Amino acid sequence: MSGERWDRFWDSKEDLAAVYASSPRVLGTLLDVLDPVGARILEIGAGTGRDSAALAARGARAVALDASPRSLALVSRVHPTLVGRGIVGGDAFHLPFRDAAFDAVFHQGVLEHFGNPAAFLHENLRVTRPGGLLVVDVPQTWHPWTLLKRAAIRVDRWFAGWETDFTIDRLERLVRGVGYEVVGAYGDWMVPSLTYRLVREGARRSGLELPLEPAGPEPLRRARRALRERLLESPAARRLAHTIGVVGRKPGPVRGPGD
């Protein structure tokens, strides 16, 4: 996705309250695998910067990097605690940081926009310290929406222009291939569903504002949440879910944050 296309995308998202947050699974996974206090953590393709801000609030030295000036302006406006060292413009293939600068690197919905993911991940590895971590979250191939997405891409109707998708096996091979050890993996579904999000976006373009999440009886919503949690615990989630994630560890001694 070109920088100009991303700028147009973020120009249309001035009202942050109308923008869906990142999946909590990514932030939750990071917090499961490292102590954020004092940790140097890089988010690539930060978008709204919500995850970086949440990590900073927990004591991390978080850095939100994005190639889009509009995204960076949005992050600066809504997350003033990151202004200064915490907001950086840059190219994910030529990160403006020294080797081994970070205890952890993460990105969600970013890797799929590039045709050379191995080069992208090699640069992640370069700035990860020995013993440091990577969390990468991408669309999963064997999901019904993949067919619709590919059809939209063919007629240039997909919001991101071009993107790909990954099976869990392919993603793990990529992460291992650049030099990380794979230490975890998961599958996840969007909440609310992608179907509802697309309906809401279509309604918005017609002048009708729908709530961020569909309304419904609370018992039904609780039942759906419980079912989702059970599904996420199944190994099949990694092969059927809408998105998948892999946790990698750079070989080397495990140290405390910021050592």
C-alpha atoms as a PDB file:
ATOM      1  CA  MET A   1       0.000   0.000   0.000  1.00  0.00           C
ATOM      2  CA  SER A   2       1.504   3.339  -1.055  1.00  0.00           C
ATOM      3  CA  GLY A   3       2.137   6.160   1.374  1.00  0.00           C
ATOM      4  CA  GLU A   4      -0.374   8.306  -0.504  1.00  0.00           C
ATOM      5  CA  ARG A   5      -3.083   5.668  -0.141  1.00  0.00           C
ATOM      6  CA  TRP A   6      -2.401   5.386   3.593  1.00  0.00           C
ATOM      7  CA  ASP A   7      -2.547   9.171   3.917  1.00  0.00           C
ATOM      8  CA  ARG A   8      -5.955   9.158   2.235  1.00  0.00           C
ATOM      9  CA  PHE A   9      -7.059   6.365   4.535  1.00  0.00           C
ATOM     10  CA  TRP A  10      -6.074   8.278   7.666  1.00  0.00           C
ATOM     11  CA  ASP A  11      -7.530  11.518   6.337  1.00  0.00           C
ATOM     12  CA  SER A  12     -10.887   9.725   6.387  1.00  0.00           C
ATOM     13  CA  LYS A  13     -10.393   8.653  10.025  1.00  0.00           C
ATOM     14  CA  GLU A  14     -10.148  12.006  11.780  1.00  0.00           C
ATOM     15  CA  ASP A  15     -12.730  10.910  14.361  1.00  0.00           C
ATOM     16  CA  LEU A  16     -10.737   8.344  16.309  1.00  0.00           C
ATOM     17  CA  ALA A  17     -13.851   7.266  18.204  1.00  0.00           C
ATOM     18  CA  ALA A  18     -15.133   5.881  14.890  1.00  0.00           C
ATOM     19  CA  VAL A  19     -11.969   3.826  14.263  1.00  0.00           C
ATOM     20  CA  TYR A  20     -11.824   0.268  15.543  1.00  0.00           C
ATOM     21  CA  ALA A  21      -9.080  -0.488  18.016  1.00  0.00           C
ATOM     22  CA  SER A  22      -6.468  -3.107  17.225  1.00  0.00           C
ATOM     23  CA  SER A  23      -7.260  -6.632  18.303  1.00  0.00           C
ATOM     24  CA  PRO A  24      -6.635  -6.917  22.054  1.00  0.00           C
ATOM     25  CA  ARG A  25      -4.981 -10.271  21.310  1.00  0.00           C
ATOM     26  CA  VAL A  26      -1.795  -8.547  20.112  1.00  0.00           C
ATOM     27  CA  LEU A  27      -1.379  -6.376  23.197  1.00  0.00           C
ATOM     28  CA  GLY A  28      -2.419  -9.273  25.428  1.00  0.00           C
ATOM     29  CA  THR A  29       0.170 -11.536  23.829  1.00  0.00           C
ATOM     30  CA  LEU A  30       2.908  -8.966  24.374  1.00  0.00           C
ATOM     31  CA  LEU A  31       1.956  -8.595  28.023  1.00  0.00           C
ATOM     32  CA  ASP A  32       1.953 -12.384  28.402  1.00  0.00           C
ATOM     33  CA  VAL A  33       5.518 -12.761  27.147  1.00  0.00           C
ATOM     34  CA  LEU A  34       7.336  -9.772  28.638  1.00  0.00           C
ATOM     35  CA  ASP A  35       7.289  -7.318  31.512  1.00  0.00           C
ATOM     36  CA  PRO A  36       6.578  -3.929  29.924  1.00  0.00           C
ATOM     37  CA  VAL A  37       8.187  -1.858  32.692  1.00  0.00           C
ATOM     38  CA  GLY A  38      11.309  -0.312  31.203  1.00  0.00           C
ATOM     39  CA  ALA A  39      11.084  -2.457  28.058  1.00  0.00           C
ATOM     40  CA  ARG A  40      12.024  -0.882  24.739  1.00  0.00           C
ATOM     41  CA  ILE A  41       9.180  -1.836  22.398  1.00  0.00           C
ATOM     42  CA  LEU A  42       8.787  -0.881  18.733  1.00  0.00           C
ATOM     43  CA  GLU A  43       5.431  -0.895  16.945  1.00  0.00           C
ATOM     44  CA  ILE A  44       5.778  -0.869  13.147  1.00  0.00           C
ATOM     45  CA  GLY A  45       2.835   0.541  11.212  1.00  0.00           C
ATOM     46  CA  ALA A  46       1.412   2.105  14.350  1.00  0.00           C
ATOM     47  CA  GLY A  47      -1.760   3.512  12.776  1.00  0.00           C
ATOM     48  CA  THR A  48      -3.641   5.106  15.674  1.00  0.00           C
ATOM     49  CA  GLY A  49      -0.849   4.325  18.139  1.00  0.00           C
ATOM     50  CA  ARG A  50      -3.275   2.872  20.669  1.00  0.00           C
ATOM     51  CA  ASP A  51      -1.175  -0.182  21.486  1.00  0.00           C
ATOM     52  CA  SER A  52       2.008   1.860  21.876  1.00  0.00           C
ATOM     53  CA  ALA A  53       0.188   4.283  24.162  1.00  0.00           C
ATOM     54  CA  ALA A  54      -1.187   1.389  26.219  1.00  0.00           C
ATOM     55  CA  LEU A  55       2.312  -0.055  26.589  1.00  0.00           C
ATOM     56  CA  ALA A  56       3.743   3.334  27.553  1.00  0.00           C
ATOM     57  CA  ALA A  57       1.040   3.659  30.214  1.00  0.00           C
ATOM     58  CA  ARG A  58       2.316   0.366  31.652  1.00  0.00           C
ATOM     59  CA  GLY A  59       5.866   1.656  31.905  1.00  0.00           C
ATOM     60  CA  ALA A  60       7.326   0.625  28.542  1.00  0.00           C
ATOM     61  CA  ARG A  61       9.599   2.835  26.477  1.00  0.00           C
ATOM     62  CA  ALA A  62       7.328   2.452  23.466  1.00  0.00           C
ATOM     63  CA  VAL A  63       8.080   3.768  19.986  1.00  0.00           C
ATOM     64  CA  ALA A  64       5.303   4.083  17.383  1.00  0.00           C
ATOM     65  CA  LEU A  65       6.668   4.060  13.817  1.00  0.00           C
ATOM     66  CA  ASP A  66       4.650   4.714  10.675  1.00  0.00           C
ATOM     67  CA  ALA A  67       5.399   5.784   7.109  1.00  0.00           C
ATOM     68  CA  SER A  68       2.258   7.929   6.859  1.00  0.00           C
ATOM     69  CA  PRO A  69       2.562  11.558   8.018  1.00  0.00           C
ATOM     70  CA  ARG A  70      -1.217  11.581   8.572  1.00  0.00           C
ATOM     71  CA  SER A  71      -0.960   8.613  10.921  1.00  0.00           C
ATOM     72  CA  LEU A  72       1.886  10.259  12.827  1.00  0.00           C
ATOM     73  CA  ALA A  73      -0.099  13.485  13.145  1.00  0.00           C
ATOM     74  CA  LEU A  74      -3.055  11.510  14.492  1.00  0.00           C
ATOM     75  CA  VAL A  75      -0.880   9.685  17.032  1.00  0.00           C
ATOM     76  CA  SER A  76       0.669  12.979  18.154  1.00  0.00           C
ATOM     77  CA  ARG A  77      -2.750  14.534  18.612  1.00  0.00           C
ATOM     78  CA  VAL A  78      -4.440  11.764  20.555  1.00  0.00           C
ATOM     79  CA  HIS A  79      -1.451  10.343  22.464  1.00  0.00           C
ATOM     80  CA  PRO A  80       0.599  13.338  23.677  1.00  0.00           C
ATOM     81  CA  THR A  81       2.545  11.095  26.073  1.00  0.00           C
ATOM     82  CA  LEU A  82       4.269   9.571  23.026  1.00  0.00           C
ATOM     83  CA  VAL A  83       5.334  12.908  21.543  1.00  0.00           C
ATOM     84  CA  GLY A  84       9.107  13.196  21.459  1.00  0.00           C
ATOM     85  CA  ARG A  85      11.029   9.957  21.186  1.00  0.00           C
ATOM     86  CA  GLY A  86       7.877   7.853  21.024  1.00  0.00           C
ATOM     87  CA  ILE A  87       6.650   8.845  17.534  1.00  0.00           C
ATOM     88  CA  VAL A  88       8.895   8.219  14.535  1.00  0.00           C
ATOM     89  CA  GLY A  89       8.390   8.417  10.781  1.00  0.00           C
ATOM     90  CA  GLY A  90      10.297   5.812   8.845  1.00  0.00           C
ATOM     91  CA  ASP A  91      10.590   3.009   6.323  1.00  0.00           C
ATOM     92  CA  ALA A  92       9.996  -0.479   7.718  1.00  0.00           C
ATOM     93  CA  PHE A  93      12.695  -1.831   5.378  1.00  0.00           C
ATOM     94  CA  HIS A  94      15.286   0.678   6.611  1.00  0.00           C
ATOM     95  CA  LEU A  95      14.414   1.246  10.246  1.00  0.00           C
ATOM     96  CA  PRO A  96      16.087   4.360  11.693  1.00  0.00           C
ATOM     97  CA  PHE A  97      17.439   2.521  14.737  1.00  0.00           C
ATOM     98  CA  ARG A  98      20.701   0.877  15.727  1.00  0.00           C
ATOM     99  CA  ASP A  99      21.132  -2.880  15.847  1.00  0.00           C
ATOM    100  CA  ALA A 100      19.579  -4.653  18.862  1.00  0.00           C
ATOM    101  CA  ALA A 101      17.788  -1.475  19.952  1.00  0.00           C
ATOM    102  CA  PHE A 102      14.559  -3.093  21.186  1.00  0.00           C
ATOM    103  CA  ASP A 103      13.418  -5.729  23.642  1.00  0.00           C
ATOM    104  CA  ALA A 104      10.381  -6.416  21.457  1.00  0.00           C
ATOM    105  CA  VAL A 105       9.052  -5.540  17.999  1.00  0.00           C
ATOM    106  CA  PHE A 106       5.427  -5.983  16.967  1.00  0.00           C
ATOM    107  CA  HIS A 107       3.036  -5.194  14.143  1.00  0.00           C
ATOM    108  CA  GLN A 108      -0.554  -6.013  13.281  1.00  0.00           C
ATOM    109  CA  GLY A 109      -2.061  -5.866   9.805  1.00  0.00           C
ATOM    110  CA  VAL A 110       1.192  -4.634   8.243  1.00  0.00           C
ATOM    111  CA  LEU A 111       3.307  -7.489   6.873  1.00  0.00           C
ATOM    112  CA  GLU A 112       0.622  -8.535   4.379  1.00  0.00           C
ATOM    113  CA  HIS A 113       0.936  -5.259   2.474  1.00  0.00           C
ATOM    114  CA  PHE A 114       4.440  -6.049   1.210  1.00  0.00           C
ATOM    115  CA  GLY A 115       5.569  -8.452  -1.484  1.00  0.00           C
ATOM    116  CA  ASN A 116       8.888  -9.199   0.229  1.00  0.00           C
ATOM    117  CA  PRO A 117       7.964 -10.194   3.795  1.00  0.00           C
ATOM    118  CA  ALA A 118      11.302 -11.885   4.490  1.00  0.00           C
ATOM    119  CA  ALA A 119      13.183  -8.608   3.968  1.00  0.00           C
ATOM    120  CA  PHE A 120      10.690  -6.877   6.261  1.00  0.00           C
ATOM    121  CA  LEU A 121      11.239  -9.478   8.992  1.00  0.00           C
ATOM    122  CA  HIS A 122      15.025  -9.425   8.555  1.00  0.00           C
ATOM    123  CA  GLU A 123      14.932  -5.746   9.473  1.00  0.00           C
ATOM    124  CA  ASN A 124      12.774  -6.608  12.500  1.00  0.00           C
ATOM    125  CA  LEU A 125      15.440  -9.095  13.552  1.00  0.00           C
ATOM    126  CA  ARG A 126      18.225  -6.546  13.157  1.00  0.00           C
ATOM    127  CA  VAL A 127      16.710  -4.125  15.662  1.00  0.00           C
ATOM    128  CA  THR A 128      15.650  -6.864  18.125  1.00  0.00           C
ATOM    129  CA  ARG A 129      18.169  -7.549  20.875  1.00  0.00           C
ATOM    130  CA  PRO A 130      19.381 -11.124  21.476  1.00  0.00           C
ATOM    131  CA  GLY A 131      16.725 -12.800  23.581  1.00  0.00           C
ATOM    132  CA  GLY A 132      14.187 -10.207  22.439  1.00  0.00           C
ATOM    133  CA  LEU A 133      10.753 -10.894  21.017  1.00  0.00           C
ATOM    134  CA  LEU A 134       8.675 -10.439  17.872  1.00  0.00           C
ATOM    135  CA  VAL A 135       4.870 -10.530  17.633  1.00  0.00           C
ATOM    136  CA  VAL A 136       3.499 -10.502  14.072  1.00  0.00           C
ATOM    137  CA  ASP A 137      -0.242 -10.615  13.325  1.00  0.00           C
ATOM    138  CA  VAL A 138      -1.620 -11.077   9.785  1.00  0.00           C
ATOM    139  CA  PRO A 139      -4.730 -12.238   7.866  1.00  0.00           C
ATOM    140  CA  GLN A 140      -5.130 -16.014   7.657  1.00  0.00           C
ATOM    141  CA  THR A 141      -5.540 -17.566   4.206  1.00  0.00           C
ATOM    142  CA  TRP A 142      -8.263 -20.158   4.818  1.00  0.00           C
ATOM    143  CA  HIS A 143     -11.019 -17.784   5.805  1.00  0.00           C
ATOM    144  CA  PRO A 144     -14.082 -16.930   3.669  1.00  0.00           C
ATOM    145  CA  TRP A 145     -13.207 -13.261   3.555  1.00  0.00           C
ATOM    146  CA  THR A 146      -9.976 -14.049   1.716  1.00  0.00           C
ATOM    147  CA  LEU A 147     -11.991 -14.830  -1.425  1.00  0.00           C
ATOM    148  CA  LEU A 148     -13.902 -11.551  -1.202  1.00  0.00           C
ATOM    149  CA  LYS A 149     -10.732  -9.615  -0.495  1.00  0.00           C
ATOM    150  CA  ARG A 150      -8.959 -11.066  -3.518  1.00  0.00           C
ATOM    151  CA  ALA A 151     -11.946 -10.265  -5.722  1.00  0.00           C
ATOM    152  CA  ALA A 152     -11.918  -6.665  -4.476  1.00  0.00           C
ATOM    153  CA  ILE A 153      -8.170  -6.403  -5.075  1.00  0.00           C
ATOM    154  CA  ARG A 154      -8.586  -7.545  -8.681  1.00  0.00           C
ATOM    155  CA  VAL A 155     -10.911  -4.612  -9.403  1.00  0.00           C
ATOM    156  CA  ASP A 156      -8.938  -2.159  -7.213  1.00  0.00           C
ATOM    157  CA  ARG A 157     -11.719  -1.861  -4.655  1.00  0.00           C
ATOM    158  CA  TRP A 158      -9.787  -3.036  -1.596  1.00  0.00           C
ATOM    159  CA  PHE A 159      -9.027  -0.196   0.818  1.00  0.00           C
ATOM    160  CA  ALA A 160      -5.363  -1.170   1.067  1.00  0.00           C
ATOM    161  CA  GLY A 161      -4.795  -1.608  -2.656  1.00  0.00           C
ATOM    162  CA  TRP A 162      -2.854  -4.893  -2.641  1.00  0.00           C
ATOM    163  CA  GLU A 163      -2.246  -7.327   0.170  1.00  0.00           C
ATOM    164  CA  THR A 164      -1.628 -11.004   0.689  1.00  0.00           C
ATOM    165  CA  ASP A 165      -2.437 -13.484   3.455  1.00  0.00           C
ATOM    166  CA  PHE A 166      -0.692 -16.310   5.271  1.00  0.00           C
ATOM    167  CA  THR A 167      -1.265 -19.814   6.534  1.00  0.00           C
ATOM    168  CA  ILE A 168       0.114 -20.493   9.993  1.00  0.00           C
ATOM    169  CA  ASP A 169       2.710 -22.843   8.480  1.00  0.00           C
ATOM    170  CA  ARG A 170       3.933 -20.224   6.027  1.00  0.00           C
ATOM    171  CA  LEU A 171       4.112 -17.534   8.710  1.00  0.00           C
ATOM    172  CA  GLU A 172       6.066 -19.755  11.081  1.00  0.00           C
ATOM    173  CA  ARG A 173       8.483 -20.691   8.273  1.00  0.00           C
ATOM    174  CA  LEU A 174       9.050 -17.022   7.481  1.00  0.00           C
ATOM    175  CA  VAL A 175       9.719 -16.131  11.097  1.00  0.00           C
ATOM    176  CA  ARG A 176      12.117 -19.057  11.512  1.00  0.00           C
ATOM    177  CA  GLY A 177      13.718 -18.396   8.146  1.00  0.00           C
ATOM    178  CA  VAL A 178      14.947 -14.936   9.099  1.00  0.00           C
ATOM    179  CA  GLY A 179      16.479 -16.193  12.354  1.00  0.00           C
ATOM    180  CA  TYR A 180      13.850 -16.115  15.090  1.00  0.00           C
ATOM    181  CA  GLU A 181      12.811 -19.127  17.154  1.00  0.00           C
ATOM    182  CA  VAL A 182       9.030 -19.631  17.112  1.00  0.00           C
ATOM    183  CA  VAL A 183       7.853 -19.714  20.730  1.00  0.00           C
ATOM    184  CA  GLY A 184       4.109 -19.192  20.298  1.00  0.00           C
ATOM    185  CA  ALA A 185       1.214 -18.879  17.863  1.00  0.00           C
ATOM    186  CA  TYR A 186      -2.505 -18.114  17.941  1.00  0.00           C
ATOM    187  CA  GLY A 187      -5.618 -17.563  15.845  1.00  0.00           C
ATOM    188  CA  ASP A 188      -8.145 -14.788  16.342  1.00  0.00           C
ATOM    189  CA  TRP A 189     -11.432 -13.455  14.999  1.00  0.00           C
ATOM    190  CA  MET A 190     -12.410  -9.809  14.616  1.00  0.00           C
ATOM    191  CA  VAL A 191     -14.791  -8.388  17.214  1.00  0.00           C
ATOM    192  CA  PRO A 192     -17.181  -7.222  15.918  1.00  0.00           C
ATOM    193  CA  SER A 193     -17.070  -9.361  12.801  1.00  0.00           C
ATOM    194  CA  LEU A 194     -15.668  -8.160   9.501  1.00  0.00           C
ATOM    195  CA  THR A 195     -19.176  -8.517   8.064  1.00  0.00           C
ATOM    196  CA  TYR A 196     -20.567  -5.984  10.515  1.00  0.00           C
ATOM    197  CA  ARG A 197     -17.615  -3.642   9.985  1.00  0.00           C
ATOM    198  CA  LEU A 198     -18.185  -3.617   6.229  1.00  0.00           C
ATOM    199  CA  VAL A 199     -21.922  -3.053   6.676  1.00  0.00           C
ATOM    200  CA  ARG A 200     -21.166  -0.176   9.041  1.00  0.00           C
ATOM    201  CA  GLU A 201     -18.682   1.375   6.611  1.00  0.00           C
ATOM    202  CA  GLY A 202     -21.174   1.125   3.752  1.00  0.00           C
ATOM    203  CA  ALA A 203     -23.846   2.745   5.903  1.00  0.00           C
ATOM    204  CA  ARG A 204     -21.454   5.524   6.908  1.00  0.00           C
ATOM    205  CA  ARG A 205     -20.761   6.349   3.269  1.00  0.00           C
ATOM    206  CA  SER A 206     -24.522   6.643   2.774  1.00  0.00           C
ATOM    207  CA  GLY A 207     -24.791   9.056   5.680  1.00  0.00           C
ATOM    208  CA  LEU A 208     -26.050   6.555   8.259  1.00  0.00           C
ATOM    209  CA  GLU A 209     -23.999   6.123  11.438  1.00  0.00           C
ATOM    210  CA  LEU A 210     -24.176   2.708  13.077  1.00  0.00           C
ATOM    211  CA  PRO A 211     -22.650   1.935  16.494  1.00  0.00           C
ATOM    212  CA  LEU A 212     -19.144   0.479  16.653  1.00  0.00           C
ATOM    213  CA  GLU A 213     -20.629  -2.819  17.814  1.00  0.00           C
ATOM    214  CA  PRO A 214     -24.010  -4.336  16.938  1.00  0.00           C
ATOM    215  CA  ALA A 215     -26.672  -4.069  19.595  1.00  0.00           C
ATOM    216  CA  GLY A 216     -28.295  -7.131  21.079  1.00  0.00           C
ATOM    217  CA  PRO A 217     -29.459  -8.712  24.322  1.00  0.00           C
ATOM    218  CA  GLU A 218     -26.624  -8.961  26.824  1.00  0.00           C
ATOM    219  CA  PRO A 219     -27.158 -12.712  27.445  1.00  0.00           C
ATOM    220  CA  LEU A 220     -26.711 -13.353  23.721  1.00  0.00           C
ATOM    221  CA  ARG A 221     -23.571 -11.215  23.626  1.00  0.00           C
ATOM    222  CA  ARG A 222     -22.147 -13.080  26.615  1.00  0.00           C
ATOM    223  CA  ALA A 223     -22.877 -16.408  24.951  1.00  0.00           C
ATOM    224  CA  ARG A 224     -21.118 -15.294  21.772  1.00  0.00           C
ATOM    225  CA  ARG A 225     -18.079 -14.148  23.754  1.00  0.00           C
ATOM    226  CA  ALA A 226     -17.934 -17.470  25.594  1.00  0.00           C
ATOM    227  CA  LEU A 227     -18.151 -19.420  22.322  1.00  0.00           C
ATOM    228  CA  ARG A 228     -15.407 -17.294  20.811  1.00  0.00           C
ATOM    229  CA  GLU A 229     -13.124 -17.935  23.789  1.00  0.00           C
ATOM    230  CA  ARG A 230     -13.661 -21.691  23.493  1.00  0.00           C
ATOM    231  CA  LEU A 231     -12.900 -21.588  19.784  1.00  0.00           C
ATOM    232  CA  LEU A 232      -9.715 -19.599  20.377  1.00  0.00           C
ATOM    233  CA  GLU A 233      -8.432 -22.309  22.707  1.00  0.00           C
ATOM    234  CA  SER A 234      -8.735 -24.893  19.933  1.00  0.00           C
ATOM    235  CA  PRO A 235      -5.668 -25.696  17.775  1.00  0.00           C
ATOM    236  CA  ALA A 236      -7.991 -25.366  14.785  1.00  0.00           C
ATOM    237  CA  ALA A 237      -8.168 -21.610  15.417  1.00  0.00           C
ATOM    238  CA  ARG A 238      -4.754 -21.201  13.832  1.00  0.00           C
ATOM    239  CA  ARG A 239      -6.056 -22.705  10.586  1.00  0.00           C
ATOM    240  CA  LEU A 240      -9.581 -21.288  10.480  1.00  0.00           C
ATOM    241  CA  ALA A 241      -9.474 -17.890  12.174  1.00  0.00           C
ATOM    242  CA  HIS A 242      -9.588 -14.578  10.365  1.00  0.00           C
ATOM    243  CA  THR A 243      -6.165 -13.529  11.689  1.00  0.00           C
ATOM    244  CA  ILE A 244      -3.165 -15.411  13.035  1.00  0.00           C
ATOM    245  CA  GLY A 245      -0.151 -14.414  15.050  1.00  0.00           C
ATOM    246  CA  VAL A 246       3.294 -15.809  15.716  1.00  0.00           C
ATOM    247  CA  VAL A 247       5.619 -15.013  18.596  1.00  0.00           C
ATOM    248  CA  GLY A 248       9.309 -15.227  17.764  1.00  0.00           C
ATOM    249  CA  ARG A 249      12.377 -14.979  19.967  1.00  0.00           C
ATOM    250  CA  LYS A 250      15.792 -13.882  18.723  1.00  0.00           C
ATOM    251  CA  PRO A 251      18.393 -16.418  19.851  1.00  0.00           C
ATOM    252  CA  GLY A 252      20.561 -15.184  22.675  1.00  0.00           C
ATOM    253  CA  PRO A 253      20.554 -14.760  26.438  1.00  0.00           C
ATOM    254  CA  VAL A 254      17.296 -13.651  28.022  1.00  0.00           C
ATOM    255  CA  ARG A 255      17.831 -10.394  29.903  1.00  0.00           C
ATOM    256  CA  GLY A 256      15.658  -7.999  31.820  1.00  0.00           C
ATOM    257  CA  PRO A 257      13.964  -5.079  30.020  1.00  0.00           C
ATOM    258  CA  GLY A 258      16.384  -2.388  28.947  1.00  0.00           C
ATOM    259  CA  ASP A 259      19.546  -4.336  29.940  1.00  0.00           C
END
